[in-house]
């Protein structure tokens, strides 16, 4: 876990829910954060992160893998999640260009990006599956932390609250690295094959620094 309060804590565990329910699409759905470098004229679609270390600058990518306990294995719909991020530098200020991909049954209702300290950036995605039985509200918190000039640690915590009062949670871990053009193209293909574009993160979304 990331040291955050559980968004909808105080509910009974999903282990008390019928196993047939946990096997449905209402299981926690991880999202992919993904973007390549902005093209000409795309500077209006950037989110500025003025407190972030310039060590973030570059195309980062890789995979996070689920850290599930045996009793939570039935909740896992994607054991491995691809992701990539583009961070740039304009006049000494770090900027971000990225999009959120995932299952269209889980539309994104809220996103957030926050600089926790110069070497750590946190992303949040809230989504709701109204067509699931029972319906599910989910919050996903992903933290990227600079390890060195070539590596980022990625930690993702997912908390899903069911309308019947139960909940479940999963964590994913991985190390991202600076991508070559060929590696970025491979991540492009993998992300788009695993999900659909749900929302873009750009300068119109407030940043809570």
Protein backbone atom coordinates (compact mmCIF):
# COMPACT_ATOMS: atom_id res chain seq x y z
CA UNK A 1 0.00 0.00 0.00
CA UNK A 2 1.02 3.59 -0.46
CA UNK A 3 0.43 4.82 3.04
CA UNK A 4 -2.89 6.43 2.07
CA UNK A 5 -6.16 6.08 3.85
CA UNK A 6 -8.39 3.51 2.18
CA UNK A 7 -10.87 5.53 0.12
CA UNK A 8 -13.96 3.62 1.23
CA UNK A 9 -12.68 1.83 4.32
CA UNK A 10 -14.87 0.35 7.01
CA UNK A 11 -16.61 -2.12 4.72
CA UNK A 12 -16.55 -5.88 5.05
CA UNK A 13 -13.92 -7.74 3.04
CA UNK A 14 -14.66 -9.01 -0.46
CA UNK A 15 -13.68 -12.47 0.78
CA UNK A 16 -17.18 -12.66 2.24
CA UNK A 17 -18.74 -12.11 -1.18
CA UNK A 18 -19.91 -15.05 -3.28
CA UNK A 19 -17.02 -16.27 -5.46
CA UNK A 20 -19.19 -16.07 -8.57
CA UNK A 21 -19.43 -12.30 -8.09
CA UNK A 22 -15.68 -11.89 -7.76
CA UNK A 23 -15.17 -13.81 -11.01
CA UNK A 24 -17.18 -11.25 -13.00
CA UNK A 25 -16.08 -8.02 -14.67
CA UNK A 26 -16.63 -6.25 -11.35
CA UNK A 27 -13.16 -7.36 -10.23
CA UNK A 28 -10.65 -4.50 -9.84
CA UNK A 29 -9.63 -3.11 -13.23
CA UNK A 30 -6.10 -1.68 -13.48
CA UNK A 31 -5.59 1.24 -15.88
CA UNK A 32 -2.62 2.07 -18.09
CA UNK A 33 -1.13 5.56 -18.08
CA UNK A 34 0.35 6.10 -21.50
CA UNK A 35 1.75 8.76 -23.84
CA UNK A 36 4.45 9.38 -26.40
CA UNK A 37 6.24 12.66 -27.02
CA UNK A 38 3.96 15.56 -28.05
CA UNK A 39 3.93 16.48 -31.72
CA UNK A 40 4.04 19.98 -33.24
CA UNK A 41 1.36 22.28 -31.85
CA UNK A 42 0.67 19.99 -28.90
CA UNK A 43 2.12 22.26 -26.23
CA UNK A 44 -1.39 23.28 -25.13
CA UNK A 45 -2.00 19.67 -24.04
CA UNK A 46 0.69 19.65 -21.37
CA UNK A 47 0.38 19.48 -17.59
CA UNK A 48 3.11 21.35 -15.77
CA UNK A 49 4.69 19.89 -12.61
CA UNK A 50 6.83 22.78 -11.32
CA UNK A 51 8.13 20.96 -8.23
CA UNK A 52 9.22 17.77 -10.01
CA UNK A 53 12.90 16.94 -10.45
CA UNK A 54 14.22 17.30 -14.01
CA UNK A 55 15.42 13.70 -13.65
CA UNK A 56 11.91 12.71 -14.70
CA UNK A 57 12.45 14.11 -18.21
CA UNK A 58 12.18 11.42 -20.88
CA UNK A 59 10.02 8.59 -22.15
CA UNK A 60 9.59 6.04 -19.36
CA UNK A 61 7.88 2.69 -19.59
CA UNK A 62 7.67 -0.93 -18.57
CA UNK A 63 5.30 -3.20 -16.70
CA UNK A 64 3.85 -3.53 -13.22
CA UNK A 65 2.94 -6.96 -11.87
CA UNK A 66 0.23 -7.86 -9.41
CA UNK A 67 1.26 -8.67 -5.83
CA UNK A 68 -1.78 -10.80 -4.96
CA UNK A 69 -2.20 -13.10 -1.99
CA UNK A 70 -3.61 -16.60 -2.74
CA UNK A 71 -7.06 -15.55 -1.51
CA UNK A 72 -7.01 -12.55 -3.88
CA UNK A 73 -5.95 -14.43 -7.02
CA UNK A 74 -9.59 -14.75 -8.09
CA UNK A 75 -9.81 -10.94 -8.29
CA UNK A 76 -6.96 -10.58 -10.80
CA UNK A 77 -8.07 -9.78 -14.35
CA UNK A 78 -4.67 -8.45 -15.53
CA UNK A 79 -1.61 -9.92 -13.81
CA UNK A 80 0.73 -7.66 -15.82
CA UNK A 81 -0.06 -4.06 -16.85
CA UNK A 82 1.94 -2.09 -19.46
CA UNK A 83 2.44 1.64 -18.97
CA UNK A 84 4.47 4.57 -20.24
CA UNK A 85 4.82 8.27 -19.45
CA UNK A 86 6.29 11.24 -21.27
CA UNK A 87 7.93 13.94 -19.14
CA UNK A 88 9.47 16.98 -20.79
CA UNK A 89 11.32 20.11 -19.73
CA UNK A 90 10.40 23.65 -20.71
CA UNK A 91 12.52 26.44 -19.28
CA UNK A 92 13.49 24.27 -16.31
CA UNK A 93 9.91 23.20 -15.51
CA UNK A 94 8.89 19.57 -15.89
CA UNK A 95 5.73 18.86 -17.85
CA UNK A 96 3.68 15.72 -18.41
CA UNK A 97 1.69 14.45 -21.36
CA UNK A 98 -0.27 11.24 -20.82
CA UNK A 99 -3.59 9.46 -21.31
CA UNK A 100 -5.53 6.81 -19.40
CA UNK A 101 -6.43 3.52 -21.09
CA UNK A 102 -8.66 0.79 -19.70
CA UNK A 103 -11.91 -1.17 -19.89
CA UNK A 104 -14.72 1.01 -21.40
CA UNK A 105 -17.13 -0.54 -18.86
CA UNK A 106 -15.21 1.44 -16.23
CA UNK A 107 -15.45 5.09 -17.36
CA UNK A 108 -13.10 7.48 -15.57
CA UNK A 109 -14.99 10.02 -13.45
CA UNK A 110 -12.01 11.83 -11.88
CA UNK A 111 -8.25 12.06 -12.28
CA UNK A 112 -5.52 13.79 -10.34
CA UNK A 113 -1.76 14.31 -10.53
CA UNK A 114 0.28 15.54 -7.58
CA UNK A 115 3.98 16.13 -6.94
CA UNK A 116 4.63 14.62 -3.50
CA UNK A 117 8.27 15.72 -3.47
CA UNK A 118 10.82 16.43 -6.22
CA UNK A 119 11.45 12.72 -6.83
CA UNK A 120 7.92 11.33 -6.40
CA UNK A 121 4.77 11.93 -8.47
CA UNK A 122 1.36 10.46 -7.69
CA UNK A 123 -1.50 9.75 -10.10
CA UNK A 124 -5.11 9.01 -9.11
CA UNK A 125 -7.95 7.58 -11.18
CA UNK A 126 -11.52 7.18 -9.92
CA UNK A 127 -13.81 5.00 -12.03
CA UNK A 128 -17.27 3.47 -11.67
CA UNK A 129 -18.70 0.33 -13.26
CA UNK A 130 -22.46 0.94 -13.13
CA UNK A 131 -23.21 -2.07 -15.35
CA UNK A 132 -21.37 -4.49 -13.04
CA UNK A 133 -23.35 -6.69 -10.65
CA UNK A 134 -23.02 -5.43 -7.99
CA UNK A 135 -21.92 -1.98 -9.19
CA UNK A 136 -18.39 -0.98 -8.22
CA UNK A 137 -16.58 2.26 -7.44
CA UNK A 138 -12.80 2.10 -7.71
CA UNK A 139 -9.87 4.33 -6.86
CA UNK A 140 -6.43 3.60 -8.25
CA UNK A 141 -3.34 5.35 -6.90
CA UNK A 142 -0.06 5.05 -8.77
CA UNK A 143 3.16 6.49 -7.41
CA UNK A 144 6.29 6.95 -9.51
CA UNK A 145 9.57 7.51 -7.66
CA UNK A 146 12.95 8.28 -9.19
CA UNK A 147 15.47 5.59 -8.28
CA UNK A 148 18.35 6.81 -10.47
CA UNK A 149 18.88 8.34 -13.92
CA UNK A 150 17.66 5.18 -15.64
CA UNK A 151 14.91 3.79 -13.40
CA UNK A 152 11.58 4.71 -11.82
CA UNK A 153 9.83 2.63 -9.18
CA UNK A 154 6.11 2.24 -9.92
CA UNK A 155 3.68 1.24 -7.15
CA UNK A 156 -0.04 0.96 -7.82
CA UNK A 157 -2.75 0.43 -5.20
CA UNK A 158 -6.35 -0.35 -6.25
CA UNK A 159 -9.34 -0.22 -3.90
CA UNK A 160 -12.73 -1.35 -5.24
CA UNK A 161 -15.91 -0.78 -3.20
CA UNK A 162 -19.00 -2.81 -4.14
CA UNK A 163 -22.53 -1.46 -3.79
CA UNK A 164 -23.41 -4.39 -1.53
CA UNK A 165 -21.02 -3.01 1.10
CA UNK A 166 -18.03 -5.27 0.40
CA UNK A 167 -14.63 -4.28 -0.93
CA UNK A 168 -11.40 -5.70 -2.29
CA UNK A 169 -7.92 -4.37 -3.00
CA UNK A 170 -4.87 -5.20 -5.10
CA UNK A 171 -1.34 -3.83 -5.44
CA UNK A 172 1.00 -3.81 -8.44
CA UNK A 173 4.77 -3.21 -8.44
CA UNK A 174 7.35 -2.66 -11.15
CA UNK A 175 10.39 -0.76 -12.34
CA UNK A 176 10.14 1.55 -15.37
CA UNK A 177 13.12 2.53 -17.50
CA UNK A 178 13.95 5.07 -20.20
CA UNK A 179 12.55 3.73 -23.49
CA UNK A 180 14.21 3.51 -26.87
CA UNK A 181 11.97 4.44 -29.84
CA UNK A 182 11.41 0.74 -30.61
CA UNK A 183 10.50 -0.01 -26.99
CA UNK A 184 8.09 2.93 -26.94
CA UNK A 185 6.41 1.65 -30.12
CA UNK A 186 6.05 -1.80 -28.52
CA UNK A 187 4.43 -0.27 -25.41
CA UNK A 188 2.15 1.75 -27.72
CA UNK A 189 0.89 -1.46 -29.29
CA UNK A 190 0.54 -3.31 -26.02
CA UNK A 191 -1.39 -0.55 -24.25
CA UNK A 192 -3.85 -0.05 -27.09
CA UNK A 193 -4.41 -3.80 -27.42
CA UNK A 194 -5.17 -4.13 -23.70
CA UNK A 195 -7.57 -1.19 -23.36
CA UNK A 196 -9.35 1.77 -24.91
CA UNK A 197 -8.58 5.46 -24.50
CA UNK A 198 -10.70 6.69 -21.58
CA UNK A 199 -9.38 10.20 -20.90
CA UNK A 200 -6.43 12.49 -21.52
CA UNK A 201 -4.49 14.37 -18.86
CA UNK A 202 -3.70 17.92 -19.92
CA UNK A 203 -3.32 21.48 -18.72
CA UNK A 204 -7.08 21.94 -18.25
CA UNK A 205 -7.04 19.63 -15.23
CA UNK A 206 -5.97 21.40 -12.01
CA UNK A 207 -2.73 20.20 -10.42
CA UNK A 208 -2.65 20.07 -6.63
CA UNK A 209 0.99 20.80 -5.85
